[in-house]
Amino acid sequence: MVLELKTIKYKDKVVFEKLVMTNDFKRVPKFFQENEACFLFLTKGAFQFRTPTNVLTFNEGEAMLSKCGNYFFEQLATNPNPQSDTISAVAAYFYPDIVKHFFQTDLSIKILQSNFDTTKVSVEPLLKSFIDSINYLLDNPQLADEDLILNKLKELLLLLSKTEQSKSINEFVALLFVPHEYNFNDIIQKNIFSNLSIDDFAKLTNSSKASFKRKFAELYNESPAKYISNKKLEKSTQLLHIKSKPIADIAYECGFETISNFNRAFKLQHGKTPTEFRFELI
């Protein structure tokens, strides 16, 4: 649940934002309205950020830079700060039609290598000071006229390009808007032991559910549900041979929502529960 939302807009587009929300979500999609890039600094709490081929953990005081894409915010399985029941962050959004006027660069450049979709950003003192200034503007929006907003966006891009040690600001800005390319099989294999639903997989592959199922069947000659379940059970069978590993940990590691779901799926395939299977190994 969103508890607080403050924004600063330029030509009806949100460019700076402060968000405070409760830490009671399981997984929520990161929606990009246009082909913008996003910078986010976490001022309180922690979360996981799932891209199509990676999962990153962000804690209080850390920042990220993300290209337009299909992503998920996820609750940490183990919250490093269980006393924190809220998450708060400050974000900035870069739109090609706004940014292209800042520098002499062609945002349609195709020769650059798009080597990230989301990356952690080192929060140096200069960048931290900048974030504090944006926080102040969000609390005092009457100060944020168009000139100041544009100058702040340009300043942030310059700071980020230095932080990321880009060869030039032109290269850095152009790279922000070159879409990251994914391989369908990589997305499946990188997330196969997660607890993603078929709908979630479809979102990560930028497909409708029907298109996802069709492409999956063409590649694996099986339905997504059957293939993924078999892979999870195959891994769980291997892990059950490690006698010291708790069954609850195995269920979680293989991407089952609950132990009861794991027990049910395992017994359906093997005719016995994981506990019974392990007992017979003794």
Protein backbone atom coordinates (compact mmCIF):
# COMPACT_ATOMS: atom_id res chain seq x y z
CA MET A 1 0.00 0.00 0.00
CA VAL A 2 1.31 3.45 -0.95
CA LEU A 3 1.44 5.69 2.12
CA GLU A 4 2.97 8.76 0.51
CA LEU A 5 3.67 9.85 -3.06
CA LYS A 6 5.23 13.17 -4.03
CA THR A 7 6.10 14.03 -7.61
CA ILE A 8 7.64 16.77 -9.70
CA LYS A 9 6.53 16.86 -13.31
CA TYR A 10 7.87 18.41 -16.49
CA LYS A 11 5.38 18.74 -19.36
CA ASP A 12 3.01 16.31 -17.58
CA LYS A 13 5.71 13.66 -17.15
CA VAL A 14 6.93 12.59 -13.72
CA VAL A 15 10.66 13.31 -13.55
CA PHE A 16 11.26 13.15 -9.79
CA GLU A 17 9.35 11.12 -7.25
CA LYS A 18 9.33 10.25 -3.56
CA LEU A 19 7.51 7.08 -2.59
CA VAL A 20 6.72 5.56 0.80
CA MET A 21 4.92 2.20 0.84
CA THR A 22 4.24 -0.64 3.24
CA ASN A 23 6.56 -3.64 3.14
CA ASP A 24 3.77 -6.20 2.85
CA PHE A 25 3.92 -7.01 -0.86
CA LYS A 26 5.10 -10.29 -2.37
CA ARG A 27 5.84 -9.19 -5.93
CA VAL A 28 4.76 -6.13 -7.89
CA PRO A 29 5.67 -5.23 -11.48
CA LYS A 30 7.74 -2.15 -12.25
CA PHE A 31 5.68 -0.24 -14.77
CA PHE A 32 7.39 2.04 -17.25
CA GLN A 33 4.97 4.43 -18.91
CA GLU A 34 7.25 5.17 -21.86
CA ASN A 35 10.74 4.08 -22.92
CA GLU A 36 12.28 5.96 -20.01
CA ALA A 37 15.25 5.02 -17.86
CA CYS A 38 15.01 5.18 -14.06
CA PHE A 39 17.38 6.08 -11.22
CA LEU A 40 16.23 5.04 -7.75
CA PHE A 41 17.80 5.64 -4.32
CA LEU A 42 16.48 3.60 -1.40
CA THR A 43 16.17 5.77 1.70
CA LYS A 44 14.60 3.09 3.91
CA GLY A 45 13.97 -0.65 3.85
CA ALA A 46 15.10 -3.32 1.39
CA PHE A 47 13.77 -5.24 -1.61
CA GLN A 48 14.73 -7.58 -4.43
CA PHE A 49 14.61 -6.38 -8.02
CA ARG A 50 14.07 -9.10 -10.61
CA THR A 51 15.05 -8.45 -14.22
CA PRO A 52 14.47 -11.07 -16.94
CA THR A 53 17.87 -12.66 -16.25
CA ASN A 54 19.04 -11.41 -12.86
CA VAL A 55 17.94 -10.77 -9.27
CA LEU A 56 19.51 -7.88 -7.38
CA THR A 57 19.13 -7.04 -3.69
CA PHE A 58 18.93 -3.40 -2.63
CA ASN A 59 19.29 -2.22 0.96
CA GLU A 60 18.89 1.17 2.58
CA GLY A 61 21.40 3.68 1.17
CA GLU A 62 21.88 1.85 -2.13
CA ALA A 63 20.87 3.00 -5.60
CA MET A 64 20.09 1.54 -9.00
CA LEU A 65 19.96 2.62 -12.61
CA SER A 66 17.47 0.77 -14.78
CA LYS A 67 16.57 0.84 -18.45
CA CYS A 68 13.03 0.54 -19.65
CA GLY A 69 12.00 -3.10 -19.41
CA ASN A 70 9.86 -5.69 -17.67
CA TYR A 71 10.86 -6.06 -14.05
CA PHE A 72 9.49 -6.98 -10.61
CA PHE A 73 9.95 -5.53 -7.15
CA GLU A 74 9.95 -8.42 -4.68
CA GLN A 75 9.87 -8.68 -0.92
CA LEU A 76 13.07 -10.03 0.59
CA ALA A 77 12.70 -13.57 1.88
CA THR A 78 14.80 -12.53 4.88
CA ASN A 79 14.45 -8.88 5.70
CA PRO A 80 17.75 -7.54 7.11
CA ASN A 81 15.74 -4.99 9.07
CA PRO A 82 12.60 -6.73 10.35
CA GLN A 83 11.69 -3.64 12.35
CA SER A 84 11.19 -1.70 9.13
CA ASP A 85 7.61 -2.12 7.92
CA THR A 86 7.92 0.50 5.21
CA ILE A 87 10.04 1.14 2.14
CA SER A 88 10.85 4.63 0.94
CA ALA A 89 12.75 5.77 -2.13
CA VAL A 90 13.56 8.77 -4.27
CA ALA A 91 13.47 8.25 -8.03
CA ALA A 92 14.28 10.16 -11.21
CA TYR A 93 13.06 9.33 -14.71
CA PHE A 94 14.83 10.10 -17.99
CA TYR A 95 12.78 10.40 -21.17
CA PRO A 96 14.51 10.44 -24.59
CA ASP A 97 12.47 13.38 -25.86
CA ILE A 98 13.59 15.48 -22.87
CA VAL A 99 17.17 14.29 -22.48
CA LYS A 100 18.08 14.56 -26.17
CA HIS A 101 18.11 18.34 -25.86
CA PHE A 102 20.76 18.28 -23.12
CA PHE A 103 23.71 16.97 -25.09
CA GLN A 104 24.79 16.67 -28.69
CA THR A 105 24.02 13.00 -28.99
CA ASP A 106 21.96 10.75 -31.21
CA LEU A 107 19.71 8.61 -29.02
CA SER A 108 19.08 6.24 -31.90
CA ILE A 109 22.72 5.08 -31.89
CA LYS A 110 22.84 1.32 -32.47
CA ILE A 111 26.57 0.57 -32.42
CA LEU A 112 26.90 0.84 -28.64
CA GLN A 113 26.91 -2.40 -26.69
CA SER A 114 23.95 -2.54 -24.33
CA ASN A 115 25.65 -4.32 -21.44
CA PHE A 116 23.09 -3.91 -18.66
CA ASP A 117 19.39 -3.68 -17.95
CA THR A 118 19.64 -2.74 -14.27
CA THR A 119 22.81 -2.01 -12.34
CA LYS A 120 23.78 -0.96 -8.84
CA VAL A 121 25.13 2.57 -8.63
CA SER A 122 27.80 3.63 -6.15
CA VAL A 123 26.44 6.51 -4.10
CA GLU A 124 29.40 8.88 -3.87
CA PRO A 125 29.25 12.04 -1.68
CA LEU A 126 28.38 14.25 -4.67
CA LEU A 127 25.53 11.96 -5.67
CA LYS A 128 24.26 11.77 -2.08
CA SER A 129 24.23 15.58 -1.91
CA PHE A 130 22.28 15.68 -5.15
CA ILE A 131 19.69 13.21 -3.78
CA ASP A 132 19.30 15.41 -0.70
CA SER A 133 18.60 18.41 -2.95
CA ILE A 134 15.92 16.48 -4.85
CA ASN A 135 14.37 15.42 -1.56
CA TYR A 136 14.17 19.07 -0.59
CA LEU A 137 12.52 20.01 -3.89
CA LEU A 138 9.97 17.22 -3.52
CA ASP A 139 9.06 18.63 -0.10
CA ASN A 140 8.96 22.17 -1.56
CA PRO A 141 7.59 21.72 -5.10
CA GLN A 142 6.82 25.42 -5.47
CA LEU A 143 10.58 25.98 -5.97
CA ALA A 144 10.79 23.58 -8.92
CA ASP A 145 10.32 25.70 -12.04
CA GLU A 146 11.07 24.28 -15.52
CA ASP A 147 14.62 25.62 -15.69
CA LEU A 148 15.53 24.12 -12.31
CA ILE A 149 13.96 20.76 -13.19
CA LEU A 150 15.92 20.51 -16.45
CA ASN A 151 19.15 21.57 -14.78
CA LYS A 152 18.67 18.94 -12.09
CA LEU A 153 18.04 16.21 -14.65
CA LYS A 154 21.15 17.21 -16.58
CA GLU A 155 23.22 17.36 -13.37
CA LEU A 156 22.10 13.84 -12.41
CA LEU A 157 23.05 12.45 -15.81
CA LEU A 158 26.50 14.01 -15.54
CA LEU A 159 26.99 12.61 -12.03
CA LEU A 160 25.87 9.14 -13.08
CA SER A 161 28.12 9.11 -16.13
CA LYS A 162 31.09 9.91 -13.88
CA THR A 163 30.04 7.32 -11.32
CA GLU A 164 29.73 4.66 -14.04
CA GLN A 165 33.08 5.78 -15.52
CA SER A 166 31.64 6.21 -19.01
CA LYS A 167 33.97 7.32 -21.78
CA SER A 168 31.70 10.27 -22.50
CA ILE A 169 28.36 11.72 -21.45
CA ASN A 170 27.13 11.18 -25.03
CA GLU A 171 27.90 7.47 -24.85
CA PHE A 172 26.33 7.13 -21.42
CA VAL A 173 23.09 8.87 -22.40
CA ALA A 174 22.79 6.96 -25.66
CA LEU A 175 23.38 3.67 -23.84
CA LEU A 176 20.48 4.39 -21.49
CA PHE A 177 18.04 4.14 -24.36
CA VAL A 178 19.46 1.17 -26.26
CA PRO A 179 17.16 -1.71 -25.22
CA HIS A 180 18.83 -4.68 -23.58
CA GLU A 181 18.35 -7.82 -25.67
CA TYR A 182 17.38 -11.09 -24.02
CA ASN A 183 17.38 -14.68 -25.14
CA PHE A 184 14.07 -16.46 -24.41
CA ASN A 185 15.81 -19.59 -23.15
CA ASP A 186 18.07 -17.53 -20.84
CA ILE A 187 15.04 -15.92 -19.20
CA ILE A 188 13.50 -19.33 -18.51
CA GLN A 189 16.68 -20.93 -17.18
CA LYS A 190 17.65 -17.95 -15.00
CA ASN A 191 14.24 -17.98 -13.28
CA ILE A 192 13.28 -21.63 -13.35
CA PHE A 193 13.77 -22.13 -9.60
CA SER A 194 11.87 -19.00 -8.66
CA ASN A 195 8.23 -19.01 -7.57
CA LEU A 196 7.16 -17.02 -10.63
CA SER A 197 3.75 -17.80 -12.09
CA ILE A 198 3.21 -18.39 -15.81
CA ASP A 199 1.77 -14.87 -16.00
CA ASP A 200 4.98 -13.53 -14.41
CA PHE A 201 7.13 -15.42 -16.91
CA ALA A 202 5.06 -13.97 -19.74
CA LYS A 203 5.66 -10.45 -18.43
CA LEU A 204 9.41 -11.00 -18.17
CA THR A 205 9.53 -12.21 -21.77
CA ASN A 206 7.39 -9.25 -22.87
CA SER A 207 4.73 -11.63 -24.20
CA SER A 208 1.06 -12.29 -23.74
CA LYS A 209 0.32 -15.46 -21.80
CA ALA A 210 -0.83 -17.24 -24.97
CA SER A 211 2.25 -16.17 -26.94
CA PHE A 212 4.52 -17.24 -24.10
CA LYS A 213 2.97 -20.72 -23.90
CA ARG A 214 3.20 -21.14 -27.66
CA LYS A 215 6.85 -20.10 -27.86
CA PHE A 216 7.71 -22.22 -24.81
CA ALA A 217 6.13 -25.33 -26.35
CA GLU A 218 8.02 -24.75 -29.59
CA LEU A 219 11.32 -24.58 -27.72
CA TYR A 220 10.88 -27.30 -25.08
CA ASN A 221 8.14 -29.54 -26.56
CA GLU A 222 6.29 -29.33 -23.23
CA SER A 223 3.92 -26.99 -21.49
CA PRO A 224 5.59 -24.39 -19.22
CA ALA A 225 3.87 -25.75 -16.10
CA LYS A 226 4.98 -29.34 -16.70
CA TYR A 227 8.55 -28.50 -17.72
CA ILE A 228 9.17 -26.09 -14.84
CA SER A 229 7.60 -28.44 -12.27
CA ASN A 230 9.75 -31.34 -13.47
CA LYS A 231 12.93 -29.25 -13.22
CA LYS A 232 12.05 -28.16 -9.68
CA LEU A 233 11.34 -31.72 -8.59
CA GLU A 234 14.51 -32.97 -10.26
CA LYS A 235 16.56 -30.47 -8.26
CA SER A 236 14.70 -31.20 -5.03
CA THR A 237 15.40 -34.92 -5.44
CA GLN A 238 19.11 -34.17 -5.66
CA LEU A 239 19.03 -31.88 -2.62
CA LEU A 240 17.19 -34.46 -0.50
CA HIS A 241 20.37 -36.53 -0.57
CA ILE A 242 21.99 -33.82 1.56
CA LYS A 243 20.74 -35.12 4.91
CA SER A 244 21.63 -31.96 6.82
CA LYS A 245 19.53 -29.72 4.56
CA PRO A 246 16.06 -28.98 6.01
CA ILE A 247 13.15 -29.89 3.76
CA ALA A 248 11.72 -26.39 4.18
CA ASP A 249 14.95 -24.93 2.77
CA ILE A 250 14.82 -27.34 -0.16
CA ALA A 251 11.24 -26.33 -0.95
CA TYR A 252 12.19 -22.65 -0.94
CA GLU A 253 15.40 -23.17 -2.93
CA CYS A 254 13.51 -25.04 -5.63
CA GLY A 255 10.87 -22.33 -5.96
CA PHE A 256 7.86 -23.88 -4.21
CA GLU A 257 5.51 -21.42 -2.53
CA THR A 258 4.94 -23.57 0.57
CA ILE A 259 6.10 -26.88 2.03
CA SER A 260 2.61 -28.31 1.46
CA ASN A 261 2.83 -27.44 -2.24
CA PHE A 262 6.23 -29.13 -2.38
CA ASN A 263 4.95 -32.23 -0.57
CA ARG A 264 1.95 -32.46 -2.88
CA ALA A 265 3.95 -32.11 -6.10
CA PHE A 266 6.68 -34.50 -4.92
CA LYS A 267 4.22 -37.20 -3.87
CA LEU A 268 2.31 -36.89 -7.12
CA GLN A 269 5.49 -37.64 -9.08
CA HIS A 270 7.27 -40.10 -6.74
CA GLY A 271 4.39 -41.68 -4.83
CA LYS A 272 5.90 -40.63 -1.49
CA THR A 273 6.54 -37.43 0.43
CA PRO A 274 10.00 -35.81 0.54
CA THR A 275 10.36 -37.01 4.15
CA GLU A 276 9.52 -40.59 3.18
CA PHE A 277 11.88 -40.40 0.20
CA ARG A 278 14.73 -39.19 2.42
CA PHE A 279 13.99 -41.84 5.07
CA GLU A 280 14.43 -44.58 2.45
CA LEU A 281 17.88 -43.20 1.65
CA ILE A 282 19.13 -44.03 5.12
